[in-house]
């Protein structure tokens, strides 16, 4: 049996805990560039991270009654080599812990995961942000070259 959904009071407490952790990390971590809240979607944060392989990576955190969902836009719909790219990412999913690649809106590729609300603490928030950053950095270049290889051939 799964745990009961978080009460409104628990969600308020978790929201404060996430706000505090993100504010501290924004001050201390050189990787976190910005943290903002969504005005229209309750309990949603946008965490912008500095990246080596691309300009920035933005992670969306959405606190719900049972989970903290986290996701990042990874790549637009590939123009070519779709099957090769999908196979590459599916094989990476086998190795990943706490996140997986998937096809989302507009056939774009996303990296997503969820954390049960009862497991949310500073260590897990750090693991989530760090893991998503690492997975994007690790697989971005290869995925970009697979899905948009003709654009790179022109540059050569």
N, C-alpha and C. Protein backbone atom coordinates (compact mmCIF):
# COMPACT_ATOMS: atom_id res chain seq x y z
N UNK A 1 0.84 -1.17 0.00
CA UNK A 1 0.00 0.00 0.00
C UNK A 1 0.89 1.24 0.00
N UNK A 2 0.55 2.20 -0.82
CA UNK A 2 1.34 3.43 -0.86
C UNK A 2 0.96 4.34 0.30
N UNK A 3 1.83 5.26 0.60
CA UNK A 3 1.55 6.19 1.69
C UNK A 3 0.42 7.13 1.28
N UNK A 4 -0.24 7.67 2.27
CA UNK A 4 -1.34 8.60 2.02
C UNK A 4 -0.79 9.87 1.35
N UNK A 5 -1.63 10.54 0.56
CA UNK A 5 -1.17 11.80 -0.05
C UNK A 5 -0.87 12.82 1.04
N UNK A 6 0.01 13.74 0.72
CA UNK A 6 0.37 14.78 1.68
C UNK A 6 -0.83 15.68 1.95
N UNK A 7 -0.97 16.10 3.18
CA UNK A 7 -2.03 17.05 3.55
C UNK A 7 -1.63 18.44 3.07
N UNK A 8 -2.59 19.36 3.11
CA UNK A 8 -2.28 20.74 2.74
C UNK A 8 -1.18 21.32 3.63
N UNK A 9 -1.23 20.98 4.92
CA UNK A 9 -0.21 21.48 5.86
C UNK A 9 1.17 20.91 5.52
N UNK A 10 1.21 19.63 5.18
CA UNK A 10 2.48 19.01 4.80
C UNK A 10 3.02 19.62 3.51
N UNK A 11 2.14 19.90 2.56
CA UNK A 11 2.58 20.51 1.30
C UNK A 11 3.14 21.91 1.53
N UNK A 12 2.51 22.67 2.43
CA UNK A 12 3.02 24.00 2.76
C UNK A 12 4.41 23.89 3.38
N UNK A 13 4.59 22.92 4.28
CA UNK A 13 5.90 22.72 4.92
C UNK A 13 6.95 22.29 3.89
N UNK A 14 6.59 21.37 3.00
CA UNK A 14 7.52 20.93 1.96
C UNK A 14 7.87 22.07 1.02
N UNK A 15 6.90 22.88 0.69
CA UNK A 15 7.13 24.03 -0.18
C UNK A 15 8.15 24.98 0.46
N UNK A 16 7.99 25.24 1.74
CA UNK A 16 8.95 26.09 2.47
C UNK A 16 10.34 25.46 2.47
N UNK A 17 10.40 24.15 2.70
CA UNK A 17 11.68 23.45 2.73
C UNK A 17 12.39 23.54 1.38
N UNK A 18 11.63 23.36 0.31
CA UNK A 18 12.21 23.45 -1.05
C UNK A 18 12.65 24.88 -1.33
N UNK A 19 11.81 25.86 -0.98
CA UNK A 19 12.19 27.28 -1.16
C UNK A 19 13.50 27.60 -0.45
N UNK A 20 13.61 27.16 0.80
CA UNK A 20 14.80 27.43 1.60
C UNK A 20 16.03 26.77 0.98
N UNK A 21 15.89 25.50 0.61
CA UNK A 21 17.04 24.79 0.03
C UNK A 21 17.48 25.45 -1.26
N UNK A 22 16.52 25.79 -2.12
CA UNK A 22 16.87 26.42 -3.41
C UNK A 22 17.53 27.79 -3.19
N UNK A 23 17.04 28.56 -2.24
CA UNK A 23 17.65 29.87 -1.95
C UNK A 23 19.08 29.71 -1.47
N UNK A 24 19.33 28.74 -0.60
CA UNK A 24 20.69 28.48 -0.13
C UNK A 24 21.59 28.03 -1.27
N UNK A 25 21.10 27.12 -2.10
CA UNK A 25 21.90 26.63 -3.22
C UNK A 25 22.19 27.73 -4.24
N UNK A 26 21.23 28.62 -4.45
CA UNK A 26 21.45 29.73 -5.38
C UNK A 26 22.60 30.61 -4.91
N UNK A 27 22.70 30.80 -3.61
CA UNK A 27 23.79 31.59 -3.05
C UNK A 27 25.13 30.87 -3.09
N UNK A 28 25.11 29.55 -2.88
CA UNK A 28 26.35 28.80 -2.70
C UNK A 28 26.87 28.08 -3.93
N UNK A 29 25.99 27.67 -4.81
CA UNK A 29 26.40 26.83 -5.94
C UNK A 29 26.66 27.67 -7.18
N UNK A 30 27.84 27.53 -7.77
CA UNK A 30 28.11 28.27 -9.01
C UNK A 30 27.34 27.70 -10.21
N UNK A 31 26.79 26.52 -10.08
CA UNK A 31 26.05 25.90 -11.18
C UNK A 31 24.63 26.45 -11.29
N UNK A 32 24.02 26.80 -10.16
CA UNK A 32 22.65 27.31 -10.19
C UNK A 32 22.69 28.81 -10.50
N UNK A 33 22.12 29.17 -11.65
CA UNK A 33 22.12 30.55 -12.11
C UNK A 33 20.92 31.34 -11.63
N UNK A 34 19.77 30.67 -11.52
CA UNK A 34 18.54 31.37 -11.18
C UNK A 34 17.50 30.37 -10.68
N UNK A 35 16.65 30.84 -9.79
CA UNK A 35 15.50 30.06 -9.32
C UNK A 35 14.30 30.98 -9.37
N UNK A 36 13.23 30.51 -9.98
CA UNK A 36 12.00 31.31 -10.02
C UNK A 36 10.80 30.40 -9.80
N UNK A 37 9.67 31.04 -9.51
CA UNK A 37 8.42 30.32 -9.28
C UNK A 37 7.46 30.64 -10.42
N UNK A 38 6.57 29.71 -10.69
CA UNK A 38 5.55 29.92 -11.71
C UNK A 38 4.38 30.65 -11.07
N UNK A 39 3.92 31.72 -11.71
CA UNK A 39 2.80 32.48 -11.18
C UNK A 39 1.46 31.78 -11.38
N UNK A 40 1.39 30.89 -12.37
CA UNK A 40 0.12 30.27 -12.71
C UNK A 40 -0.01 28.82 -12.23
N UNK A 41 1.10 28.14 -12.09
CA UNK A 41 1.07 26.74 -11.65
C UNK A 41 1.55 26.69 -10.20
N UNK A 42 0.66 26.32 -9.30
CA UNK A 42 1.06 26.28 -7.89
C UNK A 42 2.19 25.28 -7.64
N UNK A 43 3.07 25.67 -6.75
CA UNK A 43 4.16 24.80 -6.29
C UNK A 43 5.05 24.32 -7.42
N UNK A 44 5.35 25.22 -8.36
CA UNK A 44 6.29 24.89 -9.43
C UNK A 44 7.45 25.87 -9.39
N UNK A 45 8.67 25.30 -9.48
CA UNK A 45 9.90 26.08 -9.52
C UNK A 45 10.61 25.82 -10.84
N UNK A 46 11.37 26.82 -11.28
CA UNK A 46 12.25 26.68 -12.43
C UNK A 46 13.68 26.93 -11.93
N UNK A 47 14.53 25.96 -12.13
CA UNK A 47 15.91 26.05 -11.67
C UNK A 47 16.81 26.06 -12.90
N UNK A 48 17.44 27.21 -13.16
CA UNK A 48 18.33 27.33 -14.32
C UNK A 48 19.75 27.01 -13.89
N UNK A 49 20.36 26.07 -14.64
CA UNK A 49 21.70 25.62 -14.32
C UNK A 49 22.66 26.01 -15.43
N UNK A 50 23.86 26.37 -15.04
CA UNK A 50 24.93 26.58 -16.00
C UNK A 50 25.29 25.23 -16.61
N UNK A 51 25.67 25.24 -17.86
CA UNK A 51 25.98 23.97 -18.53
C UNK A 51 27.26 24.12 -19.34
N UNK A 52 27.96 23.02 -19.51
CA UNK A 52 29.15 23.01 -20.33
C UNK A 52 28.80 22.73 -21.78
N UNK A 53 27.87 21.79 -21.99
CA UNK A 53 27.56 21.34 -23.34
C UNK A 53 26.55 22.23 -24.06
N UNK A 54 25.74 22.96 -23.34
CA UNK A 54 24.80 23.90 -23.94
C UNK A 54 24.72 25.12 -23.03
N UNK A 55 24.02 26.15 -23.45
CA UNK A 55 24.01 27.39 -22.67
C UNK A 55 23.52 27.19 -21.24
N UNK A 56 22.30 26.69 -21.11
CA UNK A 56 21.72 26.46 -19.79
C UNK A 56 20.85 25.20 -19.83
N UNK A 57 20.59 24.67 -18.67
CA UNK A 57 19.62 23.60 -18.50
C UNK A 57 18.63 24.10 -17.45
N UNK A 58 17.35 24.03 -17.76
CA UNK A 58 16.32 24.43 -16.80
C UNK A 58 15.56 23.20 -16.35
N UNK A 59 15.49 23.04 -15.05
CA UNK A 59 14.74 21.92 -14.46
C UNK A 59 13.47 22.49 -13.86
N UNK A 60 12.35 21.86 -14.17
CA UNK A 60 11.07 22.23 -13.58
C UNK A 60 10.79 21.28 -12.43
N UNK A 61 10.53 21.81 -11.28
CA UNK A 61 10.14 21.02 -10.12
C UNK A 61 8.67 21.33 -9.83
N UNK A 62 7.85 20.31 -9.73
CA UNK A 62 6.43 20.52 -9.45
C UNK A 62 6.03 19.63 -8.28
N UNK A 63 5.66 20.26 -7.17
CA UNK A 63 5.24 19.55 -5.97
C UNK A 63 3.76 19.24 -6.07
N UNK A 64 3.45 17.94 -5.96
CA UNK A 64 2.06 17.49 -6.00
C UNK A 64 1.75 16.74 -4.71
N UNK A 65 0.54 16.24 -4.57
CA UNK A 65 0.13 15.59 -3.32
C UNK A 65 0.96 14.37 -2.99
N UNK A 66 1.40 13.64 -4.00
CA UNK A 66 2.14 12.40 -3.74
C UNK A 66 3.60 12.44 -4.19
N UNK A 67 3.92 13.34 -5.11
CA UNK A 67 5.28 13.33 -5.65
C UNK A 67 5.81 14.74 -5.93
N UNK A 68 7.12 14.81 -6.02
CA UNK A 68 7.80 15.96 -6.59
C UNK A 68 8.23 15.51 -7.98
N UNK A 69 7.61 16.09 -9.00
CA UNK A 69 7.97 15.74 -10.37
C UNK A 69 9.07 16.69 -10.81
N UNK A 70 10.07 16.14 -11.51
CA UNK A 70 11.13 16.98 -12.05
C UNK A 70 11.33 16.62 -13.51
N UNK A 71 11.58 17.65 -14.31
CA UNK A 71 11.73 17.42 -15.74
C UNK A 71 12.56 18.53 -16.36
N UNK A 72 13.18 18.19 -17.45
CA UNK A 72 13.90 19.18 -18.23
C UNK A 72 13.71 18.88 -19.71
N UNK A 73 13.61 19.93 -20.48
CA UNK A 73 13.55 19.82 -21.94
C UNK A 73 14.95 19.45 -22.39
N UNK A 74 15.07 18.34 -23.09
CA UNK A 74 16.39 17.86 -23.48
C UNK A 74 16.73 18.24 -24.92
N UNK A 75 15.83 17.97 -25.85
CA UNK A 75 16.13 18.14 -27.27
C UNK A 75 14.83 18.26 -28.05
N UNK A 76 14.79 19.10 -29.09
CA UNK A 76 13.58 19.13 -29.93
C UNK A 76 13.43 17.82 -30.68
N UNK A 77 12.28 17.66 -31.32
CA UNK A 77 12.05 16.46 -32.11
C UNK A 77 13.20 16.29 -33.10
N UNK A 78 13.82 15.11 -33.14
CA UNK A 78 14.96 14.92 -34.04
C UNK A 78 14.53 15.01 -35.50
N UNK A 79 15.39 15.60 -36.31
CA UNK A 79 15.12 15.75 -37.74
C UNK A 79 15.47 14.49 -38.53
N UNK A 80 16.37 13.70 -37.99
CA UNK A 80 16.82 12.49 -38.69
C UNK A 80 17.36 11.49 -37.67
N UNK A 81 17.61 10.31 -38.13
CA UNK A 81 18.15 9.23 -37.28
C UNK A 81 17.31 9.02 -36.02
N UNK A 82 15.99 9.18 -36.14
CA UNK A 82 15.14 9.06 -34.96
C UNK A 82 15.32 7.70 -34.27
N UNK A 83 15.28 6.62 -35.05
CA UNK A 83 15.39 5.30 -34.43
C UNK A 83 16.72 5.12 -33.72
N UNK A 84 17.80 5.60 -34.33
CA UNK A 84 19.11 5.48 -33.68
C UNK A 84 19.16 6.30 -32.39
N UNK A 85 18.60 7.50 -32.44
CA UNK A 85 18.60 8.35 -31.25
C UNK A 85 17.72 7.74 -30.16
N UNK A 86 16.53 7.28 -30.51
CA UNK A 86 15.65 6.68 -29.51
C UNK A 86 16.29 5.43 -28.90
N UNK A 87 16.95 4.63 -29.73
CA UNK A 87 17.63 3.45 -29.19
C UNK A 87 18.75 3.87 -28.24
N UNK A 88 19.51 4.86 -28.64
CA UNK A 88 20.60 5.36 -27.80
C UNK A 88 20.06 5.79 -26.43
N UNK A 89 18.97 6.57 -26.42
CA UNK A 89 18.44 7.07 -25.16
C UNK A 89 17.75 5.97 -24.34
N UNK A 90 17.08 5.05 -25.02
CA UNK A 90 16.47 3.93 -24.29
C UNK A 90 17.54 3.08 -23.61
N UNK A 91 18.65 2.89 -24.28
CA UNK A 91 19.74 2.13 -23.66
C UNK A 91 20.32 2.90 -22.46
N UNK A 92 20.33 4.22 -22.54
CA UNK A 92 20.79 5.03 -21.40
C UNK A 92 19.80 4.90 -20.24
N UNK A 93 18.49 4.83 -20.55
CA UNK A 93 17.49 4.68 -19.49
C UNK A 93 17.78 3.47 -18.61
N UNK A 94 18.30 2.42 -19.20
CA UNK A 94 18.60 1.20 -18.46
C UNK A 94 19.63 1.47 -17.36
N UNK A 95 20.52 2.42 -17.61
CA UNK A 95 21.60 2.74 -16.67
C UNK A 95 21.24 3.85 -15.68
N UNK A 96 20.29 4.70 -16.03
CA UNK A 96 19.99 5.88 -15.22
C UNK A 96 19.25 5.50 -13.93
N UNK A 97 19.51 6.26 -12.90
CA UNK A 97 18.82 6.08 -11.62
C UNK A 97 18.06 7.37 -11.34
N UNK A 98 16.74 7.26 -11.15
CA UNK A 98 15.94 8.40 -10.73
C UNK A 98 15.42 9.28 -11.85
N UNK A 99 15.70 8.96 -13.09
CA UNK A 99 15.21 9.76 -14.21
C UNK A 99 15.20 8.88 -15.46
N UNK A 100 14.43 9.31 -16.43
CA UNK A 100 14.40 8.58 -17.70
C UNK A 100 14.11 9.55 -18.83
N UNK A 101 14.59 9.19 -20.01
CA UNK A 101 14.29 9.95 -21.21
C UNK A 101 12.93 9.53 -21.74
N UNK A 102 12.21 10.47 -22.32
CA UNK A 102 10.92 10.17 -22.91
C UNK A 102 10.56 11.20 -23.95
N UNK A 103 9.54 10.87 -24.72
CA UNK A 103 9.01 11.78 -25.73
C UNK A 103 7.85 12.53 -25.12
N UNK A 104 7.89 13.86 -25.18
CA UNK A 104 6.85 14.68 -24.58
C UNK A 104 6.11 15.51 -25.60
N UNK A 105 5.59 16.65 -25.16
CA UNK A 105 4.85 17.53 -26.07
C UNK A 105 5.66 17.89 -27.31
N UNK A 106 4.96 17.96 -28.44
CA UNK A 106 5.56 18.31 -29.73
C UNK A 106 6.67 17.35 -30.12
N UNK A 107 6.60 16.12 -29.62
CA UNK A 107 7.58 15.07 -29.91
C UNK A 107 9.00 15.43 -29.48
N UNK A 108 9.12 16.40 -28.60
CA UNK A 108 10.42 16.77 -28.07
C UNK A 108 10.86 15.72 -27.05
N UNK A 109 12.15 15.67 -26.79
CA UNK A 109 12.71 14.72 -25.83
C UNK A 109 12.89 15.43 -24.48
N UNK A 110 12.46 14.75 -23.43
CA UNK A 110 12.54 15.27 -22.07
C UNK A 110 13.26 14.25 -21.20
N UNK A 111 13.79 14.74 -20.11
CA UNK A 111 14.37 13.90 -19.06
C UNK A 111 13.51 14.16 -17.83
N UNK A 112 12.87 13.10 -17.29
CA UNK A 112 11.89 13.28 -16.23
C UNK A 112 12.10 12.27 -15.10
N UNK A 113 11.52 12.60 -13.96
CA UNK A 113 11.52 11.68 -12.84
C UNK A 113 10.57 12.18 -11.77
N UNK A 114 10.35 11.35 -10.76
CA UNK A 114 9.49 11.72 -9.64
C UNK A 114 10.09 11.19 -8.35
N UNK A 115 9.81 11.91 -7.30
CA UNK A 115 10.27 11.55 -5.97
C UNK A 115 9.06 11.56 -5.05
N UNK A 116 8.82 10.51 -4.29
CA UNK A 116 7.68 10.52 -3.37
C UNK A 116 7.82 11.66 -2.36
N UNK A 117 6.71 12.28 -2.00
CA UNK A 117 6.79 13.43 -1.09
C UNK A 117 7.43 13.07 0.24
N UNK A 118 7.23 11.86 0.72
CA UNK A 118 7.82 11.49 2.01
C UNK A 118 9.34 11.35 1.94
N UNK A 119 9.91 11.33 0.73
CA UNK A 119 11.37 11.19 0.58
C UNK A 119 12.06 12.53 0.32
N UNK A 120 11.31 13.61 0.25
CA UNK A 120 11.91 14.91 -0.07
C UNK A 120 12.70 15.43 1.12
N UNK A 121 13.99 15.62 0.91
CA UNK A 121 14.86 16.28 1.87
C UNK A 121 15.99 16.93 1.09
N UNK A 122 16.89 17.59 1.79
CA UNK A 122 17.97 18.32 1.13
C UNK A 122 18.88 17.40 0.32
N UNK A 123 19.12 16.20 0.83
CA UNK A 123 20.00 15.27 0.13
C UNK A 123 19.36 14.82 -1.19
N UNK A 124 18.06 14.53 -1.15
CA UNK A 124 17.38 14.09 -2.37
C UNK A 124 17.24 15.23 -3.37
N UNK A 125 16.99 16.44 -2.90
CA UNK A 125 16.93 17.57 -3.82
C UNK A 125 18.27 17.78 -4.51
N UNK A 126 19.34 17.66 -3.75
CA UNK A 126 20.68 17.78 -4.32
C UNK A 126 20.95 16.66 -5.33
N UNK A 127 20.53 15.45 -5.00
CA UNK A 127 20.72 14.32 -5.91
C UNK A 127 19.94 14.53 -7.20
N UNK A 128 18.72 14.99 -7.09
CA UNK A 128 17.88 15.21 -8.28
C UNK A 128 18.51 16.26 -9.19
N UNK A 129 18.83 17.41 -8.64
CA UNK A 129 19.39 18.50 -9.45
C UNK A 129 20.73 18.07 -10.05
N UNK A 130 21.58 17.46 -9.24
CA UNK A 130 22.88 17.01 -9.72
C UNK A 130 22.78 15.92 -10.77
N UNK A 131 21.86 14.99 -10.58
CA UNK A 131 21.71 13.89 -11.55
C UNK A 131 21.21 14.40 -12.89
N UNK A 132 20.18 15.25 -12.86
CA UNK A 132 19.66 15.79 -14.12
C UNK A 132 20.76 16.56 -14.84
N UNK A 133 21.49 17.38 -14.12
CA UNK A 133 22.58 18.13 -14.74
C UNK A 133 23.59 17.17 -15.37
N UNK A 134 23.98 16.15 -14.63
CA UNK A 134 24.97 15.18 -15.12
C UNK A 134 24.46 14.43 -16.35
N UNK A 135 23.21 13.98 -16.33
CA UNK A 135 22.67 13.23 -17.46
C UNK A 135 22.61 14.09 -18.72
N UNK A 136 22.20 15.34 -18.58
CA UNK A 136 22.16 16.24 -19.75
C UNK A 136 23.57 16.44 -20.28
N UNK A 137 24.50 16.72 -19.40
CA UNK A 137 25.88 16.94 -19.83
C UNK A 137 26.46 15.70 -20.51
N UNK A 138 26.18 14.56 -19.98
CA UNK A 138 26.76 13.32 -20.49
C UNK A 138 26.22 12.93 -21.87
N UNK A 139 24.92 13.18 -22.14
CA UNK A 139 24.30 12.65 -23.35
C UNK A 139 23.89 13.70 -24.38
N UNK A 140 24.04 14.95 -24.08
CA UNK A 140 23.62 16.03 -24.97
C UNK A 140 24.34 16.00 -26.31
N UNK A 141 25.66 16.04 -26.32
CA UNK A 141 26.41 16.13 -27.58
C UNK A 141 26.10 14.96 -28.52
N UNK A 142 26.14 13.75 -28.02
CA UNK A 142 25.87 12.58 -28.85
C UNK A 142 24.44 12.62 -29.38
N UNK A 143 23.50 12.96 -28.55
CA UNK A 143 22.09 13.03 -28.97
C UNK A 143 21.89 14.11 -30.03
N UNK A 144 22.50 15.25 -29.84
CA UNK A 144 22.38 16.35 -30.81
C UNK A 144 22.95 15.94 -32.15
N UNK A 145 24.11 15.30 -32.14
CA UNK A 145 24.74 14.88 -33.39
C UNK A 145 23.96 13.76 -34.09
N UNK A 146 23.31 12.90 -33.32
CA UNK A 146 22.48 11.86 -33.93
C UNK A 146 21.22 12.45 -34.55
N UNK A 147 20.52 13.27 -33.82
CA UNK A 147 19.24 13.79 -34.27
C UNK A 147 19.30 14.90 -35.28
N UNK A 148 20.47 15.52 -35.42
CA UNK A 148 20.62 16.66 -36.33
C UNK A 148 21.94 16.57 -37.09
N UNK A 149 22.28 15.37 -37.53
CA UNK A 149 23.59 15.11 -38.13
C UNK A 149 23.85 15.93 -39.39
N UNK A 150 22.86 16.21 -40.20
CA UNK A 150 23.08 16.97 -41.43
C UNK A 150 23.56 18.38 -41.13
N UNK A 151 23.10 18.93 -40.07
CA UNK A 151 23.53 20.29 -39.70
C UNK A 151 25.01 20.31 -39.33
N UNK A 152 25.49 19.22 -38.74
CA UNK A 152 26.90 19.14 -38.40
C UNK A 152 27.76 18.82 -39.61
N UNK A 153 27.22 18.09 -40.56
CA UNK A 153 27.96 17.77 -41.78
C UNK A 153 28.25 19.04 -42.57
N UNK A 154 27.33 20.00 -42.54
CA UNK A 154 27.51 21.27 -43.25
C UNK A 154 28.63 22.09 -42.63
N UNK A 155 28.80 21.93 -41.31
CA UNK A 155 29.83 22.69 -40.60
C UNK A 155 31.24 22.13 -40.84
N UNK A 156 31.32 20.90 -41.28
CA UNK A 156 32.63 20.26 -41.45
C UNK A 156 33.33 20.71 -42.70
